[in-house]
PDB file of N, CA and C in Angstrom:
ATOM      1  N   UNK A   1      -9.682  -0.490  16.025  1.00  0.00           N
ATOM      2  CA  UNK A   1      -9.311  -0.430  14.623  1.00  0.00           C
ATOM      3  C   UNK A   1      -8.580  -1.719  14.252  1.00  0.00           C
ATOM      4  N   UNK A   2      -9.004  -2.346  13.193  1.00  0.00           N
ATOM      5  CA  UNK A   2      -8.353  -3.555  12.695  1.00  0.00           C
ATOM      6  C   UNK A   2      -7.344  -3.129  11.624  1.00  0.00           C
ATOM      7  N   UNK A   3      -6.108  -2.910  12.048  1.00  0.00           N
ATOM      8  CA  UNK A   3      -5.077  -2.414  11.141  1.00  0.00           C
ATOM      9  C   UNK A   3      -4.795  -3.387  10.002  1.00  0.00           C
ATOM     10  N   UNK A   4      -4.789  -4.666  10.292  1.00  0.00           N
ATOM     11  CA  UNK A   4      -4.543  -5.657   9.240  1.00  0.00           C
ATOM     12  C   UNK A   4      -5.621  -5.590   8.162  1.00  0.00           C
ATOM     13  N   UNK A   5      -6.863  -5.391   8.582  1.00  0.00           N
ATOM     14  CA  UNK A   5      -7.950  -5.298   7.602  1.00  0.00           C
ATOM     15  C   UNK A   5      -7.846  -4.015   6.783  1.00  0.00           C
ATOM     16  N   UNK A   6      -7.463  -2.916   7.416  1.00  0.00           N
ATOM     17  CA  UNK A   6      -7.272  -1.666   6.670  1.00  0.00           C
ATOM     18  C   UNK A   6      -6.234  -1.852   5.561  1.00  0.00           C
ATOM     19  N   UNK A   7      -5.151  -2.533   5.879  1.00  0.00           N
ATOM     20  CA  UNK A   7      -4.095  -2.764   4.890  1.00  0.00           C
ATOM     21  C   UNK A   7      -4.603  -3.683   3.780  1.00  0.00           C
ATOM     22  N   UNK A   8      -5.270  -4.752   4.143  1.00  0.00           N
ATOM     23  CA  UNK A   8      -5.856  -5.637   3.115  1.00  0.00           C
ATOM     24  C   UNK A   8      -6.791  -4.852   2.194  1.00  0.00           C
ATOM     25  N   UNK A   9      -7.609  -3.997   2.788  1.00  0.00           N
ATOM     26  CA  UNK A   9      -8.549  -3.185   2.005  1.00  0.00           C
ATOM     27  C   UNK A   9      -7.808  -2.233   1.072  1.00  0.00           C
ATOM     28  N   UNK A  10      -6.675  -1.687   1.521  1.00  0.00           N
ATOM     29  CA  UNK A  10      -5.890  -0.783   0.675  1.00  0.00           C
ATOM     30  C   UNK A  10      -5.334  -1.527  -0.538  1.00  0.00           C
ATOM     31  N   UNK A  11      -4.813  -2.726  -0.328  1.00  0.00           N
ATOM     32  CA  UNK A  11      -4.315  -3.513  -1.459  1.00  0.00           C
ATOM     33  C   UNK A  11      -5.451  -3.884  -2.409  1.00  0.00           C
ATOM     34  N   UNK A  12      -6.583  -4.232  -1.847  1.00  0.00           N
ATOM     35  CA  UNK A  12      -7.748  -4.573  -2.668  1.00  0.00           C
ATOM     36  C   UNK A  12      -8.176  -3.370  -3.518  1.00  0.00           C
ATOM     37  N   UNK A  13      -8.180  -2.183  -2.925  1.00  0.00           N
ATOM     38  CA  UNK A  13      -8.553  -0.971  -3.660  1.00  0.00           C
ATOM     39  C   UNK A  13      -7.547  -0.693  -4.774  1.00  0.00           C
ATOM     40  N   UNK A  14      -6.258  -0.867  -4.491  1.00  0.00           N
ATOM     41  CA  UNK A  14      -5.226  -0.640  -5.507  1.00  0.00           C
ATOM     42  C   UNK A  14      -5.387  -1.640  -6.651  1.00  0.00           C
ATOM     43  N   UNK A  15      -5.599  -2.882  -6.295  1.00  0.00           N
ATOM     44  CA  UNK A  15      -5.762  -3.936  -7.306  1.00  0.00           C
ATOM     45  C   UNK A  15      -6.960  -3.639  -8.207  1.00  0.00           C
ATOM     46  N   UNK A  16      -8.044  -3.173  -7.624  1.00  0.00           N
ATOM     47  CA  UNK A  16      -9.288  -2.919  -8.369  1.00  0.00           C
ATOM     48  C   UNK A  16      -9.342  -1.522  -8.988  1.00  0.00           C
ATOM     49  N   UNK A  17      -8.306  -0.705  -8.742  1.00  0.00           N
ATOM     50  CA  UNK A  17      -8.310   0.694  -9.202  1.00  0.00           C
ATOM     51  C   UNK A  17      -9.560   1.407  -8.681  1.00  0.00           C
ATOM     52  N   UNK A  18      -9.832   1.199  -7.390  1.00  0.00           N
ATOM     53  CA  UNK A  18     -11.029   1.753  -6.752  1.00  0.00           C
ATOM     54  C   UNK A  18     -10.636   2.996  -5.947  1.00  0.00           C
ATOM     55  N   UNK A  19     -10.619   4.123  -6.606  1.00  0.00           N
ATOM     56  CA  UNK A  19     -10.193   5.383  -5.983  1.00  0.00           C
ATOM     57  C   UNK A  19     -11.119   5.759  -4.820  1.00  0.00           C
ATOM     58  N   UNK A  20     -12.415   5.543  -4.972  1.00  0.00           N
ATOM     59  CA  UNK A  20     -13.344   5.869  -3.890  1.00  0.00           C
ATOM     60  C   UNK A  20     -13.005   5.092  -2.621  1.00  0.00           C
ATOM     61  N   UNK A  21     -12.671   3.823  -2.771  1.00  0.00           N
ATOM     62  CA  UNK A  21     -12.349   2.998  -1.604  1.00  0.00           C
ATOM     63  C   UNK A  21     -11.079   3.485  -0.914  1.00  0.00           C
ATOM     64  N   UNK A  22     -10.034   3.771  -1.696  1.00  0.00           N
ATOM     65  CA  UNK A  22      -8.773   4.173  -1.081  1.00  0.00           C
ATOM     66  C   UNK A  22      -8.875   5.553  -0.447  1.00  0.00           C
ATOM     67  N   UNK A  23      -9.691   6.419  -1.022  1.00  0.00           N
ATOM     68  CA  UNK A  23      -9.877   7.766  -0.457  1.00  0.00           C
ATOM     69  C   UNK A  23     -10.300   7.686   1.006  1.00  0.00           C
ATOM     70  N   UNK A  24     -11.190   6.758   1.338  1.00  0.00           N
ATOM     71  CA  UNK A  24     -11.674   6.624   2.704  1.00  0.00           C
ATOM     72  C   UNK A  24     -10.698   5.957   3.652  1.00  0.00           C
ATOM     73  N   UNK A  25      -9.673   5.297   3.098  1.00  0.00           N
ATOM     74  CA  UNK A  25      -8.706   4.582   3.929  1.00  0.00           C
ATOM     75  C   UNK A  25      -7.503   5.431   4.325  1.00  0.00           C
ATOM     76  N   UNK A  26      -7.231   6.480   3.546  1.00  0.00           N
ATOM     77  CA  UNK A  26      -6.040   7.292   3.778  1.00  0.00           C
ATOM     78  C   UNK A  26      -6.366   8.564   4.553  1.00  0.00           C
ATOM     79  N   UNK A  27      -5.595   8.821   5.580  1.00  0.00           N
ATOM     80  CA  UNK A  27      -5.756  10.040   6.382  1.00  0.00           C
ATOM     81  C   UNK A  27      -5.434  11.267   5.526  1.00  0.00           C
ATOM     82  N   UNK A  28      -6.001  12.388   5.893  1.00  0.00           N
ATOM     83  CA  UNK A  28      -5.727  13.634   5.167  1.00  0.00           C
ATOM     84  C   UNK A  28      -4.234  13.966   5.175  1.00  0.00           C
ATOM     85  N   UNK A  29      -3.545  13.638   6.254  1.00  0.00           N
ATOM     86  CA  UNK A  29      -2.117  13.928   6.388  1.00  0.00           C
ATOM     87  C   UNK A  29      -1.240  12.759   5.920  1.00  0.00           C
ATOM     88  N   UNK A  30      -1.800  11.838   5.145  1.00  0.00           N
ATOM     89  CA  UNK A  30      -1.079  10.671   4.639  1.00  0.00           C
ATOM     90  C   UNK A  30       0.241  11.070   3.974  1.00  0.00           C
ATOM     91  N   UNK A  31       1.291  10.281   4.254  1.00  0.00           N
ATOM     92  CA  UNK A  31       2.600  10.462   3.617  1.00  0.00           C
ATOM     93  C   UNK A  31       3.046   9.135   3.024  1.00  0.00           C
ATOM     94  N   UNK A  32       3.648   9.210   1.846  1.00  0.00           N
ATOM     95  CA  UNK A  32       4.126   8.025   1.129  1.00  0.00           C
ATOM     96  C   UNK A  32       5.644   8.132   0.971  1.00  0.00           C
ATOM     97  N   UNK A  33       6.328   7.034   1.271  1.00  0.00           N
ATOM     98  CA  UNK A  33       7.782   7.003   1.208  1.00  0.00           C
ATOM     99  C   UNK A  33       8.243   5.841   0.335  1.00  0.00           C
ATOM    100  N   UNK A  34       9.122   6.140  -0.598  1.00  0.00           N
ATOM    101  CA  UNK A  34       9.821   5.126  -1.379  1.00  0.00           C
ATOM    102  C   UNK A  34      11.123   5.764  -1.840  1.00  0.00           C
ATOM    103  N   UNK A  35      12.061   4.989  -2.341  1.00  0.00           N
ATOM    104  CA  UNK A  35      13.323   5.604  -2.769  1.00  0.00           C
ATOM    105  C   UNK A  35      13.143   6.782  -3.744  1.00  0.00           C
ATOM    106  N   UNK A  36      12.282   6.682  -4.763  1.00  0.00           N
ATOM    107  CA  UNK A  36      12.143   7.851  -5.645  1.00  0.00           C
ATOM    108  C   UNK A  36      11.195   8.925  -5.111  1.00  0.00           C
ATOM    109  N   UNK A  37      10.403   8.613  -4.110  1.00  0.00           N
ATOM    110  CA  UNK A  37       9.396   9.549  -3.586  1.00  0.00           C
ATOM    111  C   UNK A  37       9.445   9.599  -2.065  1.00  0.00           C
ATOM    112  N   UNK A  38      10.497  10.164  -1.481  1.00  0.00           N
ATOM    113  CA  UNK A  38      10.614  10.157  -0.019  1.00  0.00           C
ATOM    114  C   UNK A  38       9.732  11.210   0.654  1.00  0.00           C
ATOM    115  N   UNK A  39       8.591  10.791   1.142  1.00  0.00           N
ATOM    116  CA  UNK A  39       7.746  11.672   1.943  1.00  0.00           C
ATOM    117  C   UNK A  39       6.775  12.530   1.160  1.00  0.00           C
ATOM    118  N   UNK A  40       6.270  12.023   0.041  1.00  0.00           N
ATOM    119  CA  UNK A  40       5.283  12.815  -0.690  1.00  0.00           C
ATOM    120  C   UNK A  40       3.946  12.794   0.044  1.00  0.00           C
ATOM    121  N   UNK A  41       3.168  13.830  -0.153  1.00  0.00           N
ATOM    122  CA  UNK A  41       1.884  13.937   0.531  1.00  0.00           C
ATOM    123  C   UNK A  41       0.804  13.150  -0.210  1.00  0.00           C
ATOM    124  N   UNK A  42      -0.393  13.225   0.305  1.00  0.00           N
ATOM    125  CA  UNK A  42      -1.534  12.474  -0.241  1.00  0.00           C
ATOM    126  C   UNK A  42      -1.768  12.814  -1.715  1.00  0.00           C
ATOM    127  N   UNK A  43      -1.753  14.100  -2.042  1.00  0.00           N
ATOM    128  CA  UNK A  43      -1.955  14.523  -3.436  1.00  0.00           C
ATOM    129  C   UNK A  43      -0.846  13.973  -4.330  1.00  0.00           C
ATOM    130  N   UNK A  44       0.385  14.004  -3.835  1.00  0.00           N
ATOM    131  CA  UNK A  44       1.506  13.454  -4.586  1.00  0.00           C
ATOM    132  C   UNK A  44       1.371  11.963  -4.801  1.00  0.00           C
ATOM    133  N   UNK A  45       0.858  11.257  -3.796  1.00  0.00           N
ATOM    134  CA  UNK A  45       0.618   9.824  -3.933  1.00  0.00           C
ATOM    135  C   UNK A  45      -0.360   9.550  -5.072  1.00  0.00           C
ATOM    136  N   UNK A  46      -1.452  10.302  -5.107  1.00  0.00           N
ATOM    137  CA  UNK A  46      -2.433  10.071  -6.163  1.00  0.00           C
ATOM    138  C   UNK A  46      -1.885  10.466  -7.539  1.00  0.00           C
ATOM    139  N   UNK A  47      -1.016  11.451  -7.573  1.00  0.00           N
ATOM    140  CA  UNK A  47      -0.424  11.876  -8.840  1.00  0.00           C
ATOM    141  C   UNK A  47       0.634  10.893  -9.334  1.00  0.00           C
ATOM    142  N   UNK A  48       1.520  10.434  -8.429  1.00  0.00           N
ATOM    143  CA  UNK A  48       2.668   9.611  -8.834  1.00  0.00           C
ATOM    144  C   UNK A  48       2.409   8.111  -8.787  1.00  0.00           C
ATOM    145  N   UNK A  49       1.644   7.655  -7.818  1.00  0.00           N
ATOM    146  CA  UNK A  49       1.499   6.218  -7.592  1.00  0.00           C
ATOM    147  C   UNK A  49       0.181   5.649  -8.095  1.00  0.00           C
ATOM    148  N   UNK A  50      -0.889   6.384  -7.905  1.00  0.00           N
ATOM    149  CA  UNK A  50      -2.213   5.834  -8.238  1.00  0.00           C
ATOM    150  C   UNK A  50      -2.378   5.481  -9.713  1.00  0.00           C
ATOM    151  N   UNK A  51      -1.697   6.150 -10.654  1.00  0.00           N
ATOM    152  CA  UNK A  51      -1.847   5.731 -12.054  1.00  0.00           C
ATOM    153  C   UNK A  51      -1.484   4.262 -12.309  1.00  0.00           C
ATOM    154  N   UNK A  52      -0.753   3.642 -11.388  1.00  0.00           N
ATOM    155  CA  UNK A  52      -0.389   2.228 -11.524  1.00  0.00           C
ATOM    156  C   UNK A  52      -1.472   1.297 -10.974  1.00  0.00           C
ATOM    157  N   UNK A  53      -2.478   1.864 -10.330  1.00  0.00           N
ATOM    158  CA  UNK A  53      -3.564   1.047  -9.770  1.00  0.00           C
ATOM    159  C   UNK A  53      -4.252   0.284 -10.896  1.00  0.00           C
ATOM    160  N   UNK A  54      -4.693  -0.920 -10.556  1.00  0.00           N
ATOM    161  CA  UNK A  54      -5.365  -1.760 -11.529  1.00  0.00           C
ATOM    162  C   UNK A  54      -4.401  -2.604 -12.347  1.00  0.00           C
ATOM    163  N   UNK A  55      -3.100  -2.422 -12.143  1.00  0.00           N
ATOM    164  CA  UNK A  55      -2.106  -3.160 -12.913  1.00  0.00           C
ATOM    165  C   UNK A  55      -1.654  -4.455 -12.276  1.00  0.00           C
ATOM    166  N   UNK A  56      -2.197  -4.763 -11.093  1.00  0.00           N
ATOM    167  CA  UNK A  56      -1.828  -5.994 -10.391  1.00  0.00           C
ATOM    168  C   UNK A  56      -3.034  -6.917 -10.348  1.00  0.00           C
ATOM    169  N   UNK A  57      -2.810  -8.116 -10.821  1.00  0.00           N
ATOM    170  CA  UNK A  57      -3.863  -9.136 -10.821  1.00  0.00           C
ATOM    171  C   UNK A  57      -4.054  -9.766  -9.447  1.00  0.00           C
ATOM    172  N   UNK A  58      -2.914  -9.925  -8.714  1.00  0.00           N
ATOM    173  CA  UNK A  58      -3.004 -10.639  -7.433  1.00  0.00           C
ATOM    174  C   UNK A  58      -1.852 -10.245  -6.511  1.00  0.00           C
ATOM    175  N   UNK A  59      -2.157 -10.075  -5.237  1.00  0.00           N
ATOM    176  CA  UNK A  59      -1.172  -9.913  -4.173  1.00  0.00           C
ATOM    177  C   UNK A  59      -1.201 -11.174  -3.326  1.00  0.00           C
ATOM    178  N   UNK A  60      -0.043 -11.756  -3.085  1.00  0.00           N
ATOM    179  CA  UNK A  60       0.068 -12.912  -2.181  1.00  0.00           C
ATOM    180  C   UNK A  60       0.930 -12.462  -1.001  1.00  0.00           C
ATOM    181  N   UNK A  61       0.330 -12.408   0.179  1.00  0.00           N
ATOM    182  CA  UNK A  61       1.034 -11.919   1.364  1.00  0.00           C
ATOM    183  C   UNK A  61       1.916 -13.007   1.949  1.00  0.00           C
ATOM    184  N   UNK A  62       3.206 -12.715   2.023  1.00  0.00           N
ATOM    185  CA  UNK A  62       4.180 -13.606   2.666  1.00  0.00           C
ATOM    186  C   UNK A  62       4.265 -13.277   4.153  1.00  0.00           C
ATOM    187  N   UNK A  63       4.186 -11.969   4.462  1.00  0.00           N
ATOM    188  CA  UNK A  63       4.148 -11.478   5.840  1.00  0.00           C
ATOM    189  C   UNK A  63       3.051 -10.431   5.916  1.00  0.00           C
ATOM    190  N   UNK A  64       2.284 -10.490   6.955  1.00  0.00           N
ATOM    191  CA  UNK A  64       1.258  -9.483   7.239  1.00  0.00           C
ATOM    192  C   UNK A  64       1.097  -9.506   8.751  1.00  0.00           C
ATOM    193  N   UNK A  65       1.805  -8.579   9.411  1.00  0.00           N
ATOM    194  CA  UNK A  65       1.860  -8.628  10.869  1.00  0.00           C
ATOM    195  C   UNK A  65       1.821  -7.228  11.455  1.00  0.00           C
ATOM    196  N   UNK A  66       1.091  -7.099  12.552  1.00  0.00           N
ATOM    197  CA  UNK A  66       1.071  -5.846  13.290  1.00  0.00           C
ATOM    198  C   UNK A  66       2.184  -5.889  14.329  1.00  0.00           C
ATOM    199  N   UNK A  67       3.041  -4.856  14.292  1.00  0.00           N
ATOM    200  CA  UNK A  67       4.172  -4.782  15.203  1.00  0.00           C
ATOM    201  C   UNK A  67       4.234  -3.368  15.764  1.00  0.00           C
ATOM    202  N   UNK A  68       4.025  -3.241  17.069  1.00  0.00           N
ATOM    203  CA  UNK A  68       4.113  -1.933  17.733  1.00  0.00           C
ATOM    204  C   UNK A  68       3.265  -0.858  17.052  1.00  0.00           C
ATOM    205  N   UNK A  69       2.052  -1.216  16.667  1.00  0.00           N
ATOM    206  CA  UNK A  69       1.120  -0.249  16.097  1.00  0.00           C
ATOM    207  C   UNK A  69       1.279   0.012  14.617  1.00  0.00           C
ATOM    208  N   UNK A  70       2.256  -0.626  13.976  1.00  0.00           N
ATOM    209  CA  UNK A  70       2.429  -0.532  12.532  1.00  0.00           C
ATOM    210  C   UNK A  70       2.132  -1.895  11.925  1.00  0.00           C
ATOM    211  N   UNK A  71       1.959  -1.921  10.605  1.00  0.00           N
ATOM    212  CA  UNK A  71       1.764  -3.199   9.923  1.00  0.00           C
ATOM    213  C   UNK A  71       2.907  -3.390   8.939  1.00  0.00           C
ATOM    214  N   UNK A  72       3.559  -4.538   9.051  1.00  0.00           N
ATOM    215  CA  UNK A  72       4.634  -4.948   8.159  1.00  0.00           C
ATOM    216  C   UNK A  72       4.065  -5.924   7.147  1.00  0.00           C
ATOM    217  N   UNK A  73       4.341  -5.660   5.870  1.00  0.00           N
ATOM    218  CA  UNK A  73       3.827  -6.502   4.796  1.00  0.00           C
ATOM    219  C   UNK A  73       4.963  -6.858   3.847  1.00  0.00           C
ATOM    220  N   UNK A  74       5.085  -8.122   3.526  1.00  0.00           N
ATOM    221  CA  UNK A  74       5.902  -8.553   2.393  1.00  0.00           C
ATOM    222  C   UNK A  74       4.964  -9.327   1.495  1.00  0.00           C
ATOM    223  N   UNK A  75       4.997  -8.999   0.220  1.00  0.00           N
ATOM    224  CA  UNK A  75       4.092  -9.665  -0.714  1.00  0.00           C
ATOM    225  C   UNK A  75       4.799  -9.989  -2.012  1.00  0.00           C
ATOM    226  N   UNK A  76       4.240 -10.979  -2.700  1.00  0.00           N
ATOM    227  CA  UNK A  76       4.591 -11.251  -4.073  1.00  0.00           C
ATOM    228  C   UNK A  76       3.359 -10.901  -4.884  1.00  0.00           C
ATOM    229  N   UNK A  77       3.573 -10.116  -5.923  1.00  0.00           N
ATOM    230  CA  UNK A  77       2.458  -9.636  -6.737  1.00  0.00           C
ATOM    231  C   UNK A  77       2.610 -10.144  -8.163  1.00  0.00           C
ATOM    232  N   UNK A  78       1.472 -10.420  -8.768  1.00  0.00           N
ATOM    233  CA  UNK A  78       1.437 -10.799 -10.176  1.00  0.00           C
ATOM    234  C   UNK A  78       0.756  -9.682 -10.938  1.00  0.00           C
ATOM    235  N   UNK A  79       1.490  -9.109 -11.879  1.00  0.00           N
ATOM    236  CA  UNK A  79       0.922  -8.052 -12.725  1.00  0.00           C
ATOM    237  C   UNK A  79      -0.056  -8.663 -13.727  1.00  0.00           C
ATOM    238  N   UNK A  80      -0.842  -7.813 -14.330  1.00  0.00           N
ATOM    239  CA  UNK A  80      -1.824  -8.270 -15.317  1.00  0.00           C
ATOM    240  C   UNK A  80      -1.171  -8.953 -16.513  1.00  0.00           C
ATOM    241  N   UNK A  81       0.095  -8.618 -16.805  1.00  0.00           N
ATOM    242  CA  UNK A  81       0.787  -9.258 -17.930  1.00  0.00           C
ATOM    243  C   UNK A  81       1.450 -10.574 -17.536  1.00  0.00           C
ATOM    244  N   UNK A  82       1.279 -10.994 -16.258  1.00  0.00           N
ATOM    245  CA  UNK A  82       1.829 -12.259 -15.779  1.00  0.00           C
ATOM    246  C   UNK A  82       3.189 -12.136 -15.110  1.00  0.00           C
ATOM    247  N   UNK A  83       3.883 -11.015 -15.251  1.00  0.00           N
ATOM    248  CA  UNK A  83       5.171 -10.846 -14.583  1.00  0.00           C
ATOM    249  C   UNK A  83       4.936 -10.667 -13.080  1.00  0.00           C
ATOM    250  N   UNK A  84       5.972 -10.983 -12.304  1.00  0.00           N
ATOM    251  CA  UNK A  84       5.818 -10.976 -10.852  1.00  0.00           C
ATOM    252  C   UNK A  84       6.932 -10.187 -10.188  1.00  0.00           C
ATOM    253  N   UNK A  85       6.626  -9.653  -8.993  1.00  0.00           N
ATOM    254  CA  UNK A  85       7.627  -8.925  -8.209  1.00  0.00           C
ATOM    255  C   UNK A  85       7.322  -9.092  -6.730  1.00  0.00           C
ATOM    256  N   UNK A  86       8.305  -8.698  -5.911  1.00  0.00           N
ATOM    257  CA  UNK A  86       8.200  -8.830  -4.449  1.00  0.00           C
ATOM    258  C   UNK A  86       8.613  -7.515  -3.807  1.00  0.00           C
ATOM    259  N   UNK A  87       7.835  -7.051  -2.840  1.00  0.00           N
ATOM    260  CA  UNK A  87       8.126  -5.825  -2.091  1.00  0.00           C
ATOM    261  C   UNK A  87       7.848  -6.046  -0.609  1.00  0.00           C
ATOM    262  N   UNK A  88       8.415  -5.161   0.206  1.00  0.00           N
ATOM    263  CA  UNK A  88       8.087  -5.090   1.627  1.00  0.00           C
ATOM    264  C   UNK A  88       7.640  -3.662   1.913  1.00  0.00           C
ATOM    265  N   UNK A  89       6.598  -3.523   2.725  1.00  0.00           N
ATOM    266  CA  UNK A  89       6.037  -2.213   3.034  1.00  0.00           C
ATOM    267  C   UNK A  89       5.705  -2.132   4.523  1.00  0.00           C
ATOM    268  N   UNK A  90       5.732  -0.912   5.042  1.00  0.00           N
ATOM    269  CA  UNK A  90       5.375  -0.652   6.434  1.00  0.00           C
ATOM    270  C   UNK A  90       4.310   0.437   6.435  1.00  0.00           C
ATOM    271  N   UNK A  91       3.201   0.175   7.120  1.00  0.00           N
ATOM    272  CA  UNK A  91       2.086   1.113   7.202  1.00  0.00           C
ATOM    273  C   UNK A  91       1.984   1.678   8.610  1.00  0.00           C
ATOM    274  N   UNK A  92       1.771   2.986   8.693  1.00  0.00           N
ATOM    275  CA  UNK A  92       1.486   3.661   9.956  1.00  0.00           C
ATOM    276  C   UNK A  92       0.022   4.091   9.965  1.00  0.00           C
ATOM    277  N   UNK A  93      -0.489   4.435  11.145  1.00  0.00           N
ATOM    278  CA  UNK A  93      -1.925   4.699  11.287  1.00  0.00           C
ATOM    279  C   UNK A  93      -2.214   5.916  12.135  1.00  0.00           C
ATOM    280  N   UNK A  94      -3.302   6.567  11.816  1.00  0.00           N
ATOM    281  CA  UNK A  94      -3.894   7.610  12.641  1.00  0.00           C
ATOM    282  C   UNK A  94      -4.988   6.905  13.438  1.00  0.00           C
ATOM    283  N   UNK A  95      -4.676   6.565  14.677  1.00  0.00           N
ATOM    284  CA  UNK A  95      -5.596   5.769  15.493  1.00  0.00           C
ATOM    285  C   UNK A  95      -6.909   6.491  15.734  1.00  0.00           C
ATOM    286  N   UNK A  96      -6.845   7.794  15.910  1.00  0.00           N
ATOM    287  CA  UNK A  96      -8.061   8.562  16.171  1.00  0.00           C
ATOM    288  C   UNK A  96      -9.010   8.523  14.972  1.00  0.00           C
ATOM    289  N   UNK A  97      -8.470   8.671  13.773  1.00  0.00           N
ATOM    290  CA  UNK A  97      -9.292   8.674  12.555  1.00  0.00           C
ATOM    291  C   UNK A  97      -9.577   7.265  12.046  1.00  0.00           C
ATOM    292  N   UNK A  98      -8.780   6.276  12.493  1.00  0.00           N
ATOM    293  CA  UNK A  98      -8.953   4.913  12.012  1.00  0.00           C
ATOM    294  C   UNK A  98      -8.555   4.779  10.551  1.00  0.00           C
ATOM    295  N   UNK A  99      -7.494   5.504  10.162  1.00  0.00           N
ATOM    296  CA  UNK A  99      -7.054   5.504   8.770  1.00  0.00           C
ATOM    297  C   UNK A  99      -5.547   5.286   8.685  1.00  0.00           C
ATOM    298  N   UNK A 100      -5.084   4.996   7.483  1.00  0.00           N
ATOM    299  CA  UNK A 100      -3.663   4.831   7.207  1.00  0.00           C
ATOM    300  C   UNK A 100      -3.036   6.214   7.116  1.00  0.00           C
ATOM    301  N   UNK A 101      -1.961   6.420   7.870  1.00  0.00           N
ATOM    302  CA  UNK A 101      -1.301   7.737   7.876  1.00  0.00           C
ATOM    303  C   UNK A 101       0.014   7.746   7.104  1.00  0.00           C
ATOM    304  N   UNK A 102       0.602   6.570   6.904  1.00  0.00           N
ATOM    305  CA  UNK A 102       1.850   6.515   6.151  1.00  0.00           C
ATOM    306  C   UNK A 102       2.042   5.136   5.529  1.00  0.00           C
ATOM    307  N   UNK A 103       2.826   5.142   4.456  1.00  0.00           N
ATOM    308  CA  UNK A 103       3.174   3.909   3.761  1.00  0.00           C
ATOM    309  C   UNK A 103       4.611   4.044   3.296  1.00  0.00           C
ATOM    310  N   UNK A 104       5.450   3.112   3.730  1.00  0.00           N
ATOM    311  CA  UNK A 104       6.850   3.057   3.315  1.00  0.00           C
ATOM    312  C   UNK A 104       7.011   1.845   2.408  1.00  0.00           C
ATOM    313  N   UNK A 105       7.542   2.055   1.204  1.00  0.00           N
ATOM    314  CA  UNK A 105       7.697   0.970   0.254  1.00  0.00           C
ATOM    315  C   UNK A 105       9.189   0.702   0.056  1.00  0.00           C
ATOM    316  N   UNK A 106       9.566  -0.549   0.256  1.00  0.00           N
ATOM    317  CA  UNK A 106      10.931  -1.014   0.017  1.00  0.00           C
ATOM    318  C   UNK A 106      10.858  -1.977  -1.140  1.00  0.00           C
ATOM    319  N   UNK A 107      11.341  -1.513  -2.303  1.00  0.00           N
ATOM    320  CA  UNK A 107      11.226  -2.312  -3.520  1.00  0.00           C
ATOM    321  C   UNK A 107      12.018  -3.580  -3.386  1.00  0.00           C
ATOM    322  N   UNK A 108      11.413  -4.643  -3.825  1.00  0.00           N
ATOM    323  CA  UNK A 108      12.076  -5.937  -3.826  1.00  0.00           C
ATOM    324  C   UNK A 108      12.718  -6.192  -5.171  1.00  0.00           C
ATOM    325  N   UNK A 109      12.269  -7.219  -5.802  1.00  0.00           N
ATOM    326  CA  UNK A 109      12.881  -7.603  -7.061  1.00  0.00           C
ATOM    327  C   UNK A 109      11.836  -8.254  -7.951  1.00  0.00           C
ATOM    328  N   UNK A 110      12.172  -8.309  -9.230  1.00  0.00           N
ATOM    329  CA  UNK A 110      11.327  -9.052 -10.166  1.00  0.00           C
ATOM    330  C   UNK A 110      11.559 -10.527  -9.918  1.00  0.00           C
ATOM    331  N   UNK A 111      10.509 -11.308  -9.986  1.00  0.00           N
ATOM    332  CA  UNK A 111      10.595 -12.726  -9.696  1.00  0.00           C
ATOM    333  C   UNK A 111      10.716 -13.577 -10.960  1.00  0.00           C
ATOM    334  N   UNK A 112      10.611 -12.958 -12.099  1.00  0.00           N
ATOM    335  CA  UNK A 112      10.697 -13.721 -13.355  1.00  0.00           C
ATOM    336  C   UNK A 112      12.052 -13.558 -13.998  1.00  0.00           C
TER     337      UNK A 112
END
């Protein structure tokens, strides 16, 4: 399993608002963690987070590294309106299924 490619594909799906693509990347037991949403399930992710899909014009990866079976990502993103922000995220995986099993989002800051 190429974990780095799975993560790149997930960002690409989010950027393109491609629900079909992301559906195949996330494990059935997927969990999403962020300060306002600590440990929501897959359905909760699609309800709370997916409505923001398609709102980012570009992700620029500052860090994209596999560490002990997880992927650490820091990126700067440009929204469709030109504003920018920076976040760090950690992805976990279901090795047997070859899918993303968790995503932890640590909000950064606005860059503008």
